[in-house]
Amino acid sequence: MTAIPGVVFSGSLDGRLRAYSSEDGHILWDFDTAVKYRTVNGVEATGGAIDGPGPVVVGGMLFTNSGYGTFGGAPGNVLLAFSAE
């Protein structure tokens, strides 16, 4: 998990990345990362389980990896970047 003022980000084994209110826990944002992606370098990428360190928040961006095949998780190979815009 990763926390910033007012928000806690957490990934899950089903590949969902969610933002929760740190005040009452309700879901503010929910994104399914376990899909295929068209990448900037043309290499095929697929999301999967999120089971590891929390997302990184820096410079107005949120970065997370998706795909973790260990212990029965859904494999994948993508690094995702989100902005508030």
Protein backbone atom coordinates (compact mmCIF):
# COMPACT_ATOMS: atom_id res chain seq x y z
CA MET A 1 0.00 0.00 0.00
CA THR A 2 0.95 3.61 -0.51
CA ALA A 3 -0.55 6.59 1.28
CA ILE A 4 -0.72 10.27 0.36
CA PRO A 5 -2.80 12.88 2.18
CA GLY A 6 -6.43 11.73 2.01
CA VAL A 7 -5.83 8.62 -0.12
CA VAL A 8 -4.48 5.08 0.28
CA PHE A 9 -3.59 3.13 -2.91
CA SER A 10 -3.61 -0.65 -2.91
CA GLY A 11 -3.27 -3.33 -5.57
CA SER A 12 -4.86 -6.78 -5.44
CA LEU A 13 -4.28 -10.29 -6.70
CA ASP A 14 -7.09 -9.91 -9.24
CA GLY A 15 -5.13 -7.06 -10.87
CA ARG A 16 -7.27 -4.20 -9.61
CA LEU A 17 -5.65 -1.00 -8.39
CA ARG A 18 -7.82 1.04 -6.04
CA ALA A 19 -7.65 4.36 -4.25
CA TYR A 20 -9.42 4.45 -0.89
CA SER A 21 -10.40 7.43 1.22
CA SER A 22 -8.13 7.55 4.26
CA GLU A 23 -11.01 9.10 6.22
CA ASP A 24 -13.71 6.45 5.82
CA GLY A 25 -12.27 3.74 3.51
CA HIS A 26 -14.70 4.15 0.61
CA ILE A 27 -13.35 3.51 -2.87
CA LEU A 28 -12.45 6.70 -4.71
CA TRP A 29 -11.06 5.08 -7.88
CA ASP A 30 -10.83 1.54 -9.26
CA PHE A 31 -8.80 0.42 -12.29
CA ASP A 32 -8.50 -3.08 -13.80
CA THR A 33 -4.82 -3.55 -14.74
CA ALA A 34 -5.20 -7.20 -15.83
CA VAL A 35 -5.66 -6.52 -19.54
CA LYS A 36 -3.45 -6.31 -22.65
CA TYR A 37 -1.73 -2.99 -23.38
CA ARG A 38 -0.36 -1.24 -26.42
CA THR A 39 2.98 0.10 -25.24
CA VAL A 40 5.09 3.08 -26.22
CA ASN A 41 7.88 0.80 -27.48
CA GLY A 42 5.63 -1.65 -29.31
CA VAL A 43 6.39 -4.64 -27.05
CA GLU A 44 3.23 -6.56 -26.11
CA ALA A 45 2.40 -6.15 -22.43
CA THR A 46 -0.19 -7.74 -20.19
CA GLY A 47 -1.23 -6.84 -16.67
CA GLY A 48 -1.93 -9.37 -13.94
CA ALA A 49 -1.75 -9.77 -10.18
CA ILE A 50 -0.43 -6.89 -8.10
CA ASP A 51 1.46 -8.54 -5.25
CA GLY A 52 4.50 -6.64 -4.09
CA PRO A 53 5.50 -3.13 -3.14
CA GLY A 54 2.90 -0.39 -3.28
CA PRO A 55 2.55 2.08 -6.11
CA VAL A 56 4.96 5.01 -6.32
CA VAL A 57 3.61 8.57 -6.27
CA VAL A 58 5.96 11.28 -7.54
CA GLY A 59 5.62 14.51 -9.50
CA GLY A 60 1.85 14.23 -9.84
CA MET A 61 2.11 10.72 -11.29
CA LEU A 62 1.21 7.27 -9.93
CA PHE A 63 3.37 4.33 -11.11
CA THR A 64 2.68 0.64 -10.51
CA ASN A 65 3.72 -2.70 -11.90
CA SER A 66 1.11 -5.29 -12.84
CA GLY A 67 1.79 -8.98 -13.25
CA TYR A 68 3.16 -11.27 -10.58
CA GLY A 69 3.12 -14.97 -11.39
CA THR A 70 4.63 -16.24 -8.14
CA PHE A 71 2.43 -18.21 -5.71
CA GLY A 72 -0.31 -18.72 -8.32
CA GLY A 73 -0.79 -15.03 -9.17
CA ALA A 74 -1.60 -13.93 -12.69
CA PRO A 75 1.66 -13.26 -14.57
CA GLY A 76 2.23 -10.09 -16.54
CA ASN A 77 4.90 -7.62 -17.56
CA VAL A 78 3.64 -4.07 -17.51
CA LEU A 79 4.60 -0.84 -15.77
CA LEU A 80 1.67 1.60 -15.71
CA ALA A 81 1.79 5.37 -15.24
CA PHE A 82 -1.26 7.46 -14.33
CA SER A 83 -1.67 11.22 -14.09
CA ALA A 84 -4.46 13.25 -12.53
CA GLU A 85 -5.15 15.06 -15.81
